C-alpha cells in the first residue's frame, strides 16, 4: 500500500501531535493515528479541515501519484 497522505510529516514539521489534531477535529485519537500511518484516509471534507488547521494548502497533504 502506498502512502497517500503526508499528515504525519506535516504534523512533525509543525511540532503538533496526532492527539492535538484529534482534539481539534473532535475525532478519536485512533482515527488520526490510522490516518497518519496511512491505514485509512480521511474523506475530502476532513482533509480540507486538516489543511485549514495546519494553515497549508490541501495539496501539500497529498502525495503525488505521478512517477
N, C-alpha and C. Protein backbone atom coordinates (compact mmCIF):
# COMPACT_ATOMS: atom_id res chain seq x y z
N UNK A 1 0.85 -1.19 0.00
CA UNK A 1 0.00 0.00 0.00
C UNK A 1 0.89 1.25 0.00
N UNK A 2 0.59 2.15 -0.89
CA UNK A 2 1.36 3.38 -0.98
C UNK A 2 0.86 4.40 0.04
N UNK A 3 1.78 5.21 0.52
CA UNK A 3 1.39 6.31 1.41
C UNK A 3 0.66 7.35 0.57
N UNK A 4 -0.57 7.64 0.94
CA UNK A 4 -1.37 8.56 0.16
C UNK A 4 -1.38 9.98 0.71
N UNK A 5 -1.09 10.09 2.01
CA UNK A 5 -1.11 11.44 2.59
C UNK A 5 0.16 11.71 3.38
N UNK A 6 0.37 12.98 3.65
CA UNK A 6 1.55 13.43 4.37
C UNK A 6 1.17 14.04 5.73
N UNK A 7 0.05 13.64 6.29
CA UNK A 7 -0.42 14.25 7.53
C UNK A 7 0.63 14.12 8.63
N UNK A 8 1.18 12.94 8.81
CA UNK A 8 2.17 12.74 9.88
C UNK A 8 3.40 13.63 9.68
N UNK A 9 3.87 13.73 8.45
CA UNK A 9 5.05 14.54 8.15
C UNK A 9 4.80 16.01 8.49
N UNK A 10 3.64 16.51 8.08
CA UNK A 10 3.32 17.92 8.33
C UNK A 10 3.13 18.17 9.83
N UNK A 11 2.51 17.25 10.53
CA UNK A 11 2.37 17.41 11.99
C UNK A 11 3.74 17.50 12.65
N UNK A 12 4.66 16.64 12.26
CA UNK A 12 6.01 16.68 12.83
C UNK A 12 6.70 18.00 12.49
N UNK A 13 6.58 18.42 11.23
CA UNK A 13 7.21 19.68 10.81
C UNK A 13 6.68 20.86 11.63
N UNK A 14 5.41 20.81 11.99
CA UNK A 14 4.80 21.91 12.75
C UNK A 14 4.80 21.67 14.25
N UNK A 15 5.48 20.60 14.67
CA UNK A 15 5.58 20.24 16.08
C UNK A 15 4.21 20.09 16.75
N UNK A 16 3.33 19.40 16.03
CA UNK A 16 2.00 19.12 16.55
C UNK A 16 1.84 17.61 16.61
N UNK A 17 0.87 17.15 17.38
CA UNK A 17 0.68 15.72 17.56
C UNK A 17 -0.64 15.25 16.96
N UNK A 18 -0.75 13.95 16.79
CA UNK A 18 -2.00 13.37 16.36
C UNK A 18 -3.09 13.62 17.39
N UNK A 19 -2.71 13.64 18.66
CA UNK A 19 -3.69 13.92 19.72
C UNK A 19 -4.24 15.33 19.56
N UNK A 20 -3.37 16.29 19.28
CA UNK A 20 -3.81 17.67 19.07
C UNK A 20 -4.80 17.71 17.90
N UNK A 21 -4.46 17.03 16.81
CA UNK A 21 -5.31 17.02 15.63
C UNK A 21 -6.67 16.39 15.95
N UNK A 22 -6.66 15.29 16.67
CA UNK A 22 -7.92 14.64 17.01
C UNK A 22 -8.79 15.53 17.88
N UNK A 23 -8.19 16.27 18.80
CA UNK A 23 -8.95 17.19 19.64
C UNK A 23 -9.55 18.32 18.82
N UNK A 24 -8.80 18.84 17.86
CA UNK A 24 -9.27 19.93 17.02
C UNK A 24 -10.44 19.49 16.13
N UNK A 25 -10.39 18.24 15.67
CA UNK A 25 -11.41 17.73 14.77
C UNK A 25 -12.56 17.05 15.48
N UNK A 26 -12.37 16.76 16.78
CA UNK A 26 -13.41 16.06 17.52
C UNK A 26 -13.54 14.60 17.13
N UNK A 27 -12.42 13.97 16.80
CA UNK A 27 -12.42 12.55 16.45
C UNK A 27 -11.54 11.78 17.43
N UNK A 28 -11.66 10.49 17.42
CA UNK A 28 -10.89 9.62 18.29
C UNK A 28 -9.41 9.66 17.90
N UNK A 29 -8.53 9.56 18.89
CA UNK A 29 -7.09 9.56 18.64
C UNK A 29 -6.70 8.39 17.72
N UNK A 30 -7.38 7.27 17.86
CA UNK A 30 -7.09 6.11 17.00
C UNK A 30 -7.37 6.44 15.53
N UNK A 31 -8.35 7.27 15.29
CA UNK A 31 -8.68 7.66 13.91
C UNK A 31 -7.53 8.44 13.30
N UNK A 32 -7.02 9.44 14.02
CA UNK A 32 -5.91 10.22 13.48
C UNK A 32 -4.66 9.36 13.35
N UNK A 33 -4.49 8.41 14.24
CA UNK A 33 -3.35 7.50 14.14
C UNK A 33 -3.42 6.69 12.85
N UNK A 34 -4.61 6.21 12.50
CA UNK A 34 -4.78 5.44 11.26
C UNK A 34 -4.52 6.31 10.04
N UNK A 35 -4.92 7.58 10.11
CA UNK A 35 -4.63 8.50 9.01
C UNK A 35 -3.13 8.71 8.87
N UNK A 36 -2.48 8.96 10.01
CA UNK A 36 -1.04 9.25 9.98
C UNK A 36 -0.20 8.06 9.51
N UNK A 37 -0.69 6.86 9.77
CA UNK A 37 0.05 5.67 9.34
C UNK A 37 -0.44 5.15 7.99
N UNK A 38 -1.35 5.89 7.35
CA UNK A 38 -1.89 5.55 6.04
C UNK A 38 -2.62 4.22 6.00
N UNK A 39 -3.18 3.82 7.14
CA UNK A 39 -4.02 2.62 7.17
C UNK A 39 -5.37 2.95 6.54
N UNK A 40 -5.90 4.12 6.88
CA UNK A 40 -7.12 4.64 6.27
C UNK A 40 -6.86 6.08 5.87
N UNK A 41 -7.78 6.63 5.10
CA UNK A 41 -7.63 8.01 4.65
C UNK A 41 -8.84 8.83 5.10
N UNK A 42 -8.62 10.09 5.46
CA UNK A 42 -9.76 10.95 5.78
C UNK A 42 -10.54 11.28 4.51
N UNK A 43 -11.82 11.56 4.67
CA UNK A 43 -12.59 11.99 3.49
C UNK A 43 -12.13 13.38 3.08
N UNK A 44 -12.54 13.82 1.91
CA UNK A 44 -12.05 15.09 1.37
C UNK A 44 -12.43 16.29 2.24
N UNK A 45 -13.62 16.24 2.82
CA UNK A 45 -14.05 17.34 3.69
C UNK A 45 -13.15 17.43 4.92
N UNK A 46 -12.83 16.28 5.49
CA UNK A 46 -11.94 16.26 6.67
C UNK A 46 -10.53 16.67 6.28
N UNK A 47 -10.07 16.23 5.13
CA UNK A 47 -8.74 16.61 4.66
C UNK A 47 -8.65 18.12 4.51
N UNK A 48 -9.72 18.74 4.02
CA UNK A 48 -9.76 20.20 3.91
C UNK A 48 -9.70 20.85 5.29
N UNK A 49 -10.40 20.31 6.26
CA UNK A 49 -10.36 20.85 7.63
C UNK A 49 -8.95 20.72 8.21
N UNK A 50 -8.31 19.59 7.96
CA UNK A 50 -6.94 19.38 8.45
C UNK A 50 -6.01 20.43 7.85
N UNK A 51 -6.13 20.65 6.55
CA UNK A 51 -5.28 21.65 5.88
C UNK A 51 -5.50 23.03 6.49
N UNK A 52 -6.73 23.38 6.77
CA UNK A 52 -7.01 24.69 7.36
C UNK A 52 -6.43 24.79 8.77
N UNK A 53 -6.55 23.73 9.56
CA UNK A 53 -5.98 23.73 10.90
C UNK A 53 -4.46 23.89 10.87
N UNK A 54 -3.84 23.27 9.87
CA UNK A 54 -2.39 23.33 9.75
C UNK A 54 -1.92 24.53 8.92
N UNK A 55 -2.87 25.31 8.43
CA UNK A 55 -2.59 26.52 7.66
C UNK A 55 -1.71 26.21 6.43
N UNK A 56 -2.12 25.19 5.69
CA UNK A 56 -1.43 24.83 4.46
C UNK A 56 -2.46 24.53 3.37
N UNK A 57 -1.99 24.48 2.14
CA UNK A 57 -2.84 24.10 1.02
C UNK A 57 -3.10 22.61 1.11
N UNK A 58 -4.31 22.19 0.84
CA UNK A 58 -4.67 20.77 0.93
C UNK A 58 -3.78 19.91 0.03
N UNK A 59 -3.28 20.47 -1.06
CA UNK A 59 -2.40 19.73 -1.96
C UNK A 59 -1.11 19.29 -1.26
N UNK A 60 -0.70 20.05 -0.25
CA UNK A 60 0.52 19.70 0.48
C UNK A 60 0.35 18.46 1.35
N UNK A 61 -0.90 18.06 1.58
CA UNK A 61 -1.16 16.86 2.38
C UNK A 61 -1.21 15.59 1.54
N UNK A 62 -1.19 15.74 0.24
CA UNK A 62 -1.31 14.58 -0.64
C UNK A 62 0.00 14.26 -1.33
N UNK A 63 0.32 12.98 -1.38
CA UNK A 63 1.49 12.54 -2.13
C UNK A 63 1.10 12.41 -3.59
N UNK A 64 2.00 12.81 -4.45
CA UNK A 64 1.74 12.69 -5.89
C UNK A 64 1.73 11.22 -6.29
N UNK A 65 0.83 10.88 -7.19
CA UNK A 65 0.79 9.52 -7.71
C UNK A 65 1.56 9.41 -9.03
N UNK A 66 2.10 10.54 -9.48
CA UNK A 66 2.90 10.53 -10.71
C UNK A 66 4.26 9.93 -10.45
N UNK A 67 4.81 9.30 -11.46
CA UNK A 67 6.14 8.68 -11.31
C UNK A 67 7.19 9.49 -12.00
